[in-house]
Amino acid sequence: MFETYKQYENGGKVLIHKNINRKGNDYKSLVSIANFFAKEGKTVKLTPTVHFKSDEYKEIYGSLTGTIYERKCPDFQIDGLFYEFESYIPPFNKGKISHMLKDGLKQSSRIIINNTKGAADRYIKRLVYDRINNENFTYNIDEVWIYEKGKLRLLFKKQ
């Protein structure tokens, strides 16, 4: 089901599901992100999109059952936690960051945003805090990572 793509000496590894869409426009970014976490010694699984009624869904995403993310298929499982990667279709504009946050948070409370064109951290943080402090709808945000030009960094982590 999951094949080992890369194994690191520190025990970190990248596992890719056999049904993942290798032709997807974000596949290379997903592999790059997975390698970043695996180099830190984490076990990273690239997970496929499967129907929520399938046995495969229960096997891969069973831990999401009973949560607000039930029926969702986040992109990664990193040391047992699900993460969603959000990218955009060019051309880039700041409004797309807000849209990526909104879409990503429907999949997971831990998201990775493609910010290759480089919106300011201050701007992205403001969007995150606006969502956390929104009285009309409570967003559960645990982590926000920024993916820029092949590099990854943590922007926000819930205390």
N, C-alpha and C. Protein backbone atom coordinates (compact mmCIF):
# COMPACT_ATOMS: atom_id res chain seq x y z
N MET A 1 0.83 -1.19 0.00
CA MET A 1 0.00 0.00 0.00
C MET A 1 0.88 1.26 0.00
N PHE A 2 1.73 1.43 1.04
CA PHE A 2 2.70 2.53 1.05
C PHE A 2 4.06 1.95 0.68
N GLU A 3 4.74 2.59 -0.26
CA GLU A 3 6.07 2.14 -0.65
C GLU A 3 7.09 3.14 -0.11
N THR A 4 8.24 2.59 0.35
CA THR A 4 9.29 3.47 0.85
C THR A 4 9.93 4.17 -0.33
N TYR A 5 9.87 5.50 -0.30
CA TYR A 5 10.44 6.32 -1.36
C TYR A 5 11.87 6.69 -1.00
N LYS A 6 12.06 7.05 0.27
CA LYS A 6 13.39 7.45 0.73
C LYS A 6 13.51 7.15 2.21
N GLN A 7 14.70 6.67 2.60
CA GLN A 7 14.97 6.34 4.00
C GLN A 7 16.22 7.10 4.41
N TYR A 8 16.17 7.79 5.56
CA TYR A 8 17.31 8.55 6.04
C TYR A 8 17.98 7.83 7.20
N GLU A 9 19.26 8.11 7.41
CA GLU A 9 20.03 7.43 8.46
C GLU A 9 19.48 7.71 9.85
N ASN A 10 18.83 8.87 10.04
CA ASN A 10 18.30 9.20 11.36
C ASN A 10 16.96 8.51 11.63
N GLY A 11 16.52 7.63 10.71
CA GLY A 11 15.27 6.91 10.90
C GLY A 11 14.09 7.56 10.19
N GLY A 12 14.29 8.78 9.71
CA GLY A 12 13.22 9.44 8.97
C GLY A 12 12.98 8.74 7.65
N LYS A 13 11.73 8.75 7.20
CA LYS A 13 11.47 8.15 5.90
C LYS A 13 10.25 8.75 5.23
N VAL A 14 10.26 8.63 3.91
CA VAL A 14 9.15 9.09 3.09
C VAL A 14 8.49 7.86 2.49
N LEU A 15 7.18 7.74 2.75
CA LEU A 15 6.40 6.63 2.20
C LEU A 15 5.35 7.23 1.27
N ILE A 16 5.23 6.66 0.09
CA ILE A 16 4.27 7.17 -0.87
C ILE A 16 3.25 6.08 -1.19
N HIS A 17 1.98 6.43 -1.08
CA HIS A 17 0.91 5.48 -1.36
C HIS A 17 0.90 5.13 -2.84
N LYS A 18 0.63 3.86 -3.14
CA LYS A 18 0.67 3.43 -4.54
C LYS A 18 -0.36 4.13 -5.42
N ASN A 19 -1.45 4.62 -4.81
CA ASN A 19 -2.50 5.27 -5.61
C ASN A 19 -2.38 6.79 -5.67
N ILE A 20 -1.25 7.33 -5.24
CA ILE A 20 -1.13 8.79 -5.26
C ILE A 20 -1.02 9.26 -6.71
N ASN A 21 -1.53 10.46 -6.97
CA ASN A 21 -1.49 11.01 -8.32
C ASN A 21 -0.11 11.61 -8.57
N ARG A 22 0.75 10.83 -9.25
CA ARG A 22 2.12 11.28 -9.50
C ARG A 22 2.19 12.33 -10.61
N LYS A 23 1.09 12.51 -11.31
CA LYS A 23 1.05 13.52 -12.37
C LYS A 23 0.43 14.83 -11.88
N GLY A 24 0.00 14.85 -10.61
CA GLY A 24 -0.62 16.06 -10.06
C GLY A 24 0.36 17.22 -10.10
N ASN A 25 -0.16 18.43 -10.30
CA ASN A 25 0.74 19.58 -10.45
C ASN A 25 1.48 19.92 -9.17
N ASP A 26 1.04 19.39 -8.03
CA ASP A 26 1.78 19.67 -6.79
C ASP A 26 2.59 18.48 -6.29
N TYR A 27 2.69 17.41 -7.11
CA TYR A 27 3.38 16.19 -6.67
C TYR A 27 4.84 16.47 -6.28
N LYS A 28 5.57 17.22 -7.11
CA LYS A 28 6.98 17.51 -6.81
C LYS A 28 7.11 18.29 -5.50
N SER A 29 6.22 19.24 -5.28
CA SER A 29 6.24 20.01 -4.03
C SER A 29 5.96 19.09 -2.84
N LEU A 30 5.01 18.18 -3.00
CA LEU A 30 4.66 17.25 -1.91
C LEU A 30 5.87 16.40 -1.53
N VAL A 31 6.59 15.90 -2.54
CA VAL A 31 7.78 15.06 -2.28
C VAL A 31 8.86 15.89 -1.61
N SER A 32 9.05 17.12 -2.06
CA SER A 32 10.05 18.02 -1.48
C SER A 32 9.73 18.28 0.00
N ILE A 33 8.47 18.56 0.30
CA ILE A 33 8.04 18.81 1.68
C ILE A 33 8.22 17.55 2.53
N ALA A 34 7.85 16.41 1.98
CA ALA A 34 7.99 15.13 2.71
C ALA A 34 9.46 14.89 3.07
N ASN A 35 10.36 15.16 2.12
CA ASN A 35 11.79 14.97 2.39
C ASN A 35 12.29 15.92 3.49
N PHE A 36 11.77 17.13 3.53
CA PHE A 36 12.16 18.09 4.57
C PHE A 36 11.87 17.49 5.95
N PHE A 37 10.66 16.99 6.15
CA PHE A 37 10.29 16.43 7.45
C PHE A 37 11.03 15.12 7.73
N ALA A 38 11.23 14.30 6.71
CA ALA A 38 11.93 13.03 6.89
C ALA A 38 13.38 13.27 7.32
N LYS A 39 14.01 14.32 6.79
CA LYS A 39 15.39 14.65 7.17
C LYS A 39 15.47 15.02 8.65
N GLU A 40 14.34 15.43 9.23
CA GLU A 40 14.29 15.73 10.67
C GLU A 40 14.01 14.47 11.50
N GLY A 41 13.94 13.33 10.83
CA GLY A 41 13.73 12.07 11.54
C GLY A 41 12.28 11.64 11.64
N LYS A 42 11.41 12.32 10.92
CA LYS A 42 9.99 11.98 10.99
C LYS A 42 9.61 10.97 9.91
N THR A 43 8.52 10.25 10.16
CA THR A 43 7.97 9.34 9.16
C THR A 43 6.84 10.08 8.45
N VAL A 44 7.00 10.24 7.15
CA VAL A 44 6.04 11.01 6.37
C VAL A 44 5.38 10.11 5.35
N LYS A 45 4.05 10.11 5.35
CA LYS A 45 3.29 9.36 4.35
C LYS A 45 2.58 10.33 3.43
N LEU A 46 2.80 10.19 2.13
CA LEU A 46 2.01 10.94 1.16
C LEU A 46 0.75 10.13 0.93
N THR A 47 -0.38 10.73 1.20
CA THR A 47 -1.64 9.99 1.19
C THR A 47 -2.47 10.33 -0.05
N PRO A 48 -3.20 9.36 -0.57
CA PRO A 48 -3.99 9.56 -1.79
C PRO A 48 -5.39 10.09 -1.47
N THR A 49 -6.07 10.51 -2.50
CA THR A 49 -7.48 10.86 -2.36
C THR A 49 -8.27 9.59 -2.63
N VAL A 50 -9.04 9.15 -1.64
CA VAL A 50 -9.86 7.94 -1.80
C VAL A 50 -11.27 8.24 -1.31
N HIS A 51 -12.22 7.44 -1.72
CA HIS A 51 -13.60 7.66 -1.31
C HIS A 51 -13.77 7.32 0.16
N PHE A 52 -14.49 8.16 0.88
CA PHE A 52 -14.61 7.99 2.34
C PHE A 52 -15.34 6.71 2.73
N LYS A 53 -16.06 6.07 1.80
CA LYS A 53 -16.75 4.83 2.16
C LYS A 53 -15.88 3.60 1.89
N SER A 54 -14.70 3.81 1.28
CA SER A 54 -13.85 2.67 0.93
C SER A 54 -13.11 2.13 2.15
N ASP A 55 -12.68 0.86 2.02
CA ASP A 55 -11.87 0.25 3.08
C ASP A 55 -10.55 0.98 3.21
N GLU A 56 -10.01 1.43 2.07
CA GLU A 56 -8.75 2.16 2.09
C GLU A 56 -8.86 3.43 2.94
N TYR A 57 -9.99 4.10 2.82
CA TYR A 57 -10.18 5.32 3.61
C TYR A 57 -10.07 4.99 5.10
N LYS A 58 -10.74 3.90 5.51
CA LYS A 58 -10.70 3.50 6.92
C LYS A 58 -9.27 3.20 7.36
N GLU A 59 -8.51 2.55 6.47
CA GLU A 59 -7.12 2.19 6.80
C GLU A 59 -6.24 3.44 6.94
N ILE A 60 -6.35 4.37 5.98
CA ILE A 60 -5.45 5.52 5.94
C ILE A 60 -5.93 6.64 6.86
N TYR A 61 -7.21 6.96 6.76
CA TYR A 61 -7.75 8.14 7.45
C TYR A 61 -8.69 7.79 8.61
N GLY A 62 -8.65 6.55 9.07
CA GLY A 62 -9.55 6.11 10.13
C GLY A 62 -9.55 7.00 11.36
N SER A 63 -8.38 7.57 11.68
CA SER A 63 -8.29 8.41 12.88
C SER A 63 -9.08 9.71 12.74
N LEU A 64 -9.51 10.04 11.52
CA LEU A 64 -10.30 11.26 11.32
C LEU A 64 -11.79 11.03 11.58
N THR A 65 -12.20 9.76 11.69
CA THR A 65 -13.59 9.45 11.93
C THR A 65 -14.04 10.06 13.25
N GLY A 66 -15.18 10.73 13.19
CA GLY A 66 -15.71 11.37 14.39
C GLY A 66 -15.16 12.77 14.64
N THR A 67 -14.26 13.24 13.75
CA THR A 67 -13.75 14.61 13.88
C THR A 67 -14.38 15.47 12.79
N ILE A 68 -14.10 16.79 12.83
CA ILE A 68 -14.64 17.66 11.78
C ILE A 68 -13.97 17.38 10.43
N TYR A 69 -12.90 16.59 10.44
CA TYR A 69 -12.19 16.27 9.19
C TYR A 69 -12.60 14.92 8.61
N GLU A 70 -13.61 14.30 9.21
CA GLU A 70 -14.11 13.03 8.68
C GLU A 70 -14.50 13.24 7.21
N ARG A 71 -14.22 12.28 6.36
CA ARG A 71 -14.46 12.29 4.91
C ARG A 71 -13.42 13.09 4.14
N LYS A 72 -12.48 13.73 4.83
CA LYS A 72 -11.44 14.51 4.16
C LYS A 72 -10.22 13.63 3.88
N CYS A 73 -9.40 14.08 2.94
CA CYS A 73 -8.18 13.36 2.58
C CYS A 73 -7.00 14.33 2.57
N PRO A 74 -6.44 14.65 3.74
CA PRO A 74 -5.28 15.54 3.75
C PRO A 74 -4.10 14.92 2.99
N ASP A 75 -3.15 15.76 2.58
CA ASP A 75 -2.04 15.32 1.71
C ASP A 75 -1.00 14.46 2.41
N PHE A 76 -0.75 14.72 3.69
CA PHE A 76 0.33 14.04 4.41
C PHE A 76 -0.13 13.51 5.74
N GLN A 77 0.60 12.48 6.18
CA GLN A 77 0.54 12.09 7.58
C GLN A 77 1.99 12.11 8.06
N ILE A 78 2.29 13.00 9.02
CA ILE A 78 3.65 13.16 9.50
C ILE A 78 3.67 12.76 10.97
N ASP A 79 4.38 11.68 11.26
CA ASP A 79 4.40 11.10 12.61
C ASP A 79 2.99 10.99 13.19
N GLY A 80 2.06 10.53 12.37
CA GLY A 80 0.70 10.27 12.83
C GLY A 80 -0.24 11.46 12.77
N LEU A 81 0.27 12.67 12.46
CA LEU A 81 -0.59 13.85 12.38
C LEU A 81 -0.81 14.22 10.91
N PHE A 82 -2.04 14.62 10.60
CA PHE A 82 -2.34 14.97 9.21
C PHE A 82 -2.03 16.43 8.91
N TYR A 83 -1.49 16.65 7.72
CA TYR A 83 -1.16 17.99 7.23
C TYR A 83 -1.74 18.15 5.83
N GLU A 84 -2.13 19.38 5.50
CA GLU A 84 -2.66 19.67 4.18
C GLU A 84 -1.75 20.70 3.51
N PHE A 85 -1.40 20.44 2.25
CA PHE A 85 -0.61 21.40 1.48
C PHE A 85 -1.54 22.15 0.55
N GLU A 86 -1.43 23.47 0.56
CA GLU A 86 -2.26 24.30 -0.32
C GLU A 86 -1.37 25.11 -1.24
N SER A 87 -1.68 25.03 -2.52
CA SER A 87 -0.95 25.81 -3.50
C SER A 87 -1.96 26.67 -4.26
N TYR A 88 -1.50 27.38 -5.26
CA TYR A 88 -2.40 28.26 -6.00
C TYR A 88 -2.11 28.14 -7.49
N ILE A 89 -3.07 28.58 -8.28
CA ILE A 89 -2.88 28.61 -9.73
C ILE A 89 -2.42 30.03 -10.07
N PRO A 90 -1.27 30.17 -10.75
CA PRO A 90 -0.78 31.51 -11.09
C PRO A 90 -1.81 32.26 -11.93
N PRO A 91 -1.77 33.58 -11.96
CA PRO A 91 -0.81 34.43 -11.27
C PRO A 91 -1.13 34.57 -9.78
N PHE A 92 -0.09 34.85 -9.00
CA PHE A 92 -0.22 34.99 -7.55
C PHE A 92 -0.82 36.35 -7.19
N ASN A 93 -1.69 36.36 -6.18
CA ASN A 93 -2.05 37.62 -5.52
C ASN A 93 -2.31 37.32 -4.05
N LYS A 94 -2.27 38.35 -3.23
CA LYS A 94 -2.40 38.16 -1.78
C LYS A 94 -3.71 37.47 -1.40
N GLY A 95 -4.77 37.74 -2.15
CA GLY A 95 -6.06 37.13 -1.85
C GLY A 95 -6.01 35.62 -1.89
N LYS A 96 -5.10 35.08 -2.67
CA LYS A 96 -4.99 33.61 -2.78
C LYS A 96 -4.48 32.99 -1.48
N ILE A 97 -3.70 33.75 -0.70
CA ILE A 97 -3.22 33.24 0.59
C ILE A 97 -4.42 32.98 1.50
N SER A 98 -5.32 33.94 1.57
CA SER A 98 -6.53 33.80 2.39
C SER A 98 -7.33 32.58 1.93
N HIS A 99 -7.46 32.41 0.63
CA HIS A 99 -8.20 31.28 0.06
C HIS A 99 -7.51 29.95 0.40
N MET A 100 -6.17 29.92 0.33
CA MET A 100 -5.43 28.69 0.65
C MET A 100 -5.63 28.33 2.12
N LEU A 101 -5.60 29.33 3.00
CA LEU A 101 -5.84 29.07 4.43
C LEU A 101 -7.22 28.47 4.62
N LYS A 102 -8.23 29.11 4.02
CA LYS A 102 -9.61 28.67 4.17
C LYS A 102 -9.79 27.22 3.68
N ASP A 103 -9.27 26.93 2.49
CA ASP A 103 -9.40 25.58 1.93
C ASP A 103 -8.60 24.56 2.74
N GLY A 104 -7.39 24.93 3.12
CA GLY A 104 -6.54 24.02 3.86
C GLY A 104 -7.14 23.63 5.20
N LEU A 105 -7.75 24.61 5.87
CA LEU A 105 -8.30 24.36 7.20
C LEU A 105 -9.54 23.48 7.16
N LYS A 106 -10.11 23.28 5.98
CA LYS A 106 -11.23 22.32 5.85
C LYS A 106 -10.70 20.89 5.89
N GLN A 107 -9.41 20.72 5.56
CA GLN A 107 -8.80 19.40 5.50
C GLN A 107 -8.05 19.02 6.78
N SER A 108 -7.43 20.02 7.42
CA SER A 108 -6.60 19.74 8.58
C SER A 108 -6.34 21.02 9.36
N SER A 109 -6.00 20.88 10.65
CA SER A 109 -5.66 22.04 11.47
C SER A 109 -4.18 22.37 11.32
N ARG A 110 -3.47 21.56 10.54
CA ARG A 110 -2.05 21.79 10.27
C ARG A 110 -1.89 21.96 8.77
N ILE A 111 -1.48 23.16 8.37
CA ILE A 111 -1.40 23.40 6.93
C ILE A 111 -0.05 23.94 6.50
N ILE A 112 0.26 23.67 5.26
CA ILE A 112 1.49 24.14 4.62
C ILE A 112 1.03 24.96 3.42
N ILE A 113 1.49 26.21 3.35
CA ILE A 113 1.04 27.11 2.30
C ILE A 113 2.19 27.40 1.34
N ASN A 114 1.90 27.30 0.06
CA ASN A 114 2.88 27.66 -0.96
C ASN A 114 2.91 29.18 -1.04
N ASN A 115 4.02 29.75 -0.62
CA ASN A 115 4.18 31.21 -0.64
C ASN A 115 5.40 31.58 -1.47
N THR A 116 5.60 30.85 -2.58
CA THR A 116 6.79 31.05 -3.39
C THR A 116 6.92 32.48 -3.91
N LYS A 117 5.81 33.14 -4.16
CA LYS A 117 5.88 34.53 -4.64
C LYS A 117 6.12 35.50 -3.49
N GLY A 118 5.96 35.01 -2.26
CA GLY A 118 6.41 35.77 -1.11
C GLY A 118 5.53 36.88 -0.57
N ALA A 119 4.34 36.56 -0.10
CA ALA A 119 3.58 37.53 0.68
C ALA A 119 4.31 37.68 2.02
N ALA A 120 4.22 38.85 2.63
CA ALA A 120 4.94 39.10 3.89
C ALA A 120 4.42 38.18 5.00
N ASP A 121 5.34 37.72 5.85
CA ASP A 121 4.95 36.89 7.01
C ASP A 121 3.91 37.61 7.86
N ARG A 122 4.11 38.90 8.05
CA ARG A 122 3.20 39.69 8.87
C ARG A 122 1.77 39.60 8.33
N TYR A 123 1.65 39.67 7.01
CA TYR A 123 0.34 39.58 6.37
C TYR A 123 -0.29 38.20 6.61
N ILE A 124 0.49 37.15 6.43
CA ILE A 124 -0.04 35.78 6.61
C ILE A 124 -0.41 35.55 8.08
N LYS A 125 0.45 36.01 8.99
CA LYS A 125 0.15 35.85 10.42
C LYS A 125 -1.15 36.56 10.77
N ARG A 126 -1.35 37.75 10.21
CA ARG A 126 -2.58 38.48 10.49
C ARG A 126 -3.79 37.67 10.04
N LEU A 127 -3.70 37.05 8.86
CA LEU A 127 -4.80 36.21 8.37
C LEU A 127 -5.06 35.04 9.34
N VAL A 128 -3.98 34.44 9.84
CA VAL A 128 -4.11 33.31 10.78
C VAL A 128 -4.80 33.79 12.07
N TYR A 129 -4.30 34.90 12.65
CA TYR A 129 -4.89 35.39 13.90
C TYR A 129 -6.32 35.88 13.70
N ASP A 130 -6.61 36.47 12.54
CA ASP A 130 -7.99 36.88 12.25
C ASP A 130 -8.93 35.67 12.30
N ARG A 131 -8.45 34.53 11.78
CA ARG A 131 -9.27 33.32 11.79
C ARG A 131 -9.42 32.76 13.20
N ILE A 132 -8.34 32.79 13.97
CA ILE A 132 -8.41 32.27 15.33
C ILE A 132 -9.36 33.12 16.19
N ASN A 133 -9.33 34.43 15.98
CA ASN A 133 -10.11 35.34 16.81
C ASN A 133 -11.48 35.69 16.24
N ASN A 134 -11.86 35.04 15.14
CA ASN A 134 -13.14 35.30 14.51
C ASN A 134 -14.27 34.78 15.40
N GLU A 135 -15.17 35.65 15.80
CA GLU A 135 -16.25 35.25 16.70
C GLU A 135 -17.32 34.43 15.98
N ASN A 136 -17.48 34.66 14.67
CA ASN A 136 -18.54 33.97 13.93
C ASN A 136 -18.20 32.50 13.67
N PHE A 137 -16.93 32.21 13.55
CA PHE A 137 -16.56 30.84 13.24
C PHE A 137 -15.20 30.56 13.85
N THR A 138 -15.11 29.54 14.65
CA THR A 138 -13.85 29.22 15.29
C THR A 138 -13.05 28.27 14.40
N TYR A 139 -11.90 28.74 13.98
CA TYR A 139 -11.01 27.89 13.20
C TYR A 139 -10.05 27.23 14.17
N ASN A 140 -9.85 25.94 13.98
CA ASN A 140 -8.86 25.25 14.79
C ASN A 140 -7.56 25.25 13.98
N ILE A 141 -6.58 26.04 14.40
CA ILE A 141 -5.32 26.11 13.68
C ILE A 141 -4.21 25.70 14.64
N ASP A 142 -3.55 24.58 14.33
CA ASP A 142 -2.47 24.09 15.18
C ASP A 142 -1.11 24.53 14.65
N GLU A 143 -0.92 24.43 13.32
CA GLU A 143 0.37 24.80 12.74
C GLU A 143 0.15 25.39 11.36
N VAL A 144 0.97 26.40 11.03
CA VAL A 144 1.00 26.93 9.67
C VAL A 144 2.47 26.98 9.25
N TRP A 145 2.78 26.23 8.19
CA TRP A 145 4.12 26.21 7.63
C TRP A 145 4.10 26.98 6.32
N ILE A 146 5.23 27.58 6.01
CA ILE A 146 5.37 28.32 4.76
C ILE A 146 6.36 27.57 3.87
N TYR A 147 5.94 27.31 2.64
CA TYR A 147 6.78 26.64 1.65
C TYR A 147 7.14 27.67 0.59
N GLU A 148 8.43 27.99 0.51
CA GLU A 148 8.90 28.99 -0.45
C GLU A 148 10.11 28.47 -1.18
N LYS A 149 10.03 28.48 -2.50
CA LYS A 149 11.17 28.12 -3.35
C LYS A 149 11.86 26.83 -2.87
N GLY A 150 11.05 25.83 -2.54
CA GLY A 150 11.61 24.54 -2.14
C GLY A 150 12.03 24.44 -0.68
N LYS A 151 11.88 25.50 0.09
CA LYS A 151 12.26 25.47 1.50
C LYS A 151 11.01 25.61 2.37
N LEU A 152 11.12 25.09 3.60
CA LEU A 152 9.96 25.06 4.48
C LEU A 152 10.33 25.68 5.82
N ARG A 153 9.41 26.44 6.40
CA ARG A 153 9.64 26.99 7.73
C ARG A 153 8.31 27.14 8.46
N LEU A 154 8.40 27.03 9.78
CA LEU A 154 7.21 27.15 10.61
C LEU A 154 6.89 28.62 10.84
N LEU A 155 5.67 29.02 10.54
CA LEU A 155 5.25 30.40 10.74
C LEU A 155 4.44 30.55 12.03
N PHE A 156 3.59 29.56 12.31
CA PHE A 156 2.71 29.65 13.47
C PHE A 156 2.54 28.27 14.09
N LYS A 157 2.59 28.22 15.42
CA LYS A 157 2.29 26.98 16.14
C LYS A 157 1.47 27.34 17.36
N LYS A 158 0.36 26.64 17.54
CA LYS A 158 -0.52 26.89 18.69
C LYS A 158 0.26 26.59 19.98
N GLN A 159 0.12 27.48 20.94
CA GLN A 159 0.85 27.31 22.21
C GLN A 159 0.10 26.37 23.13
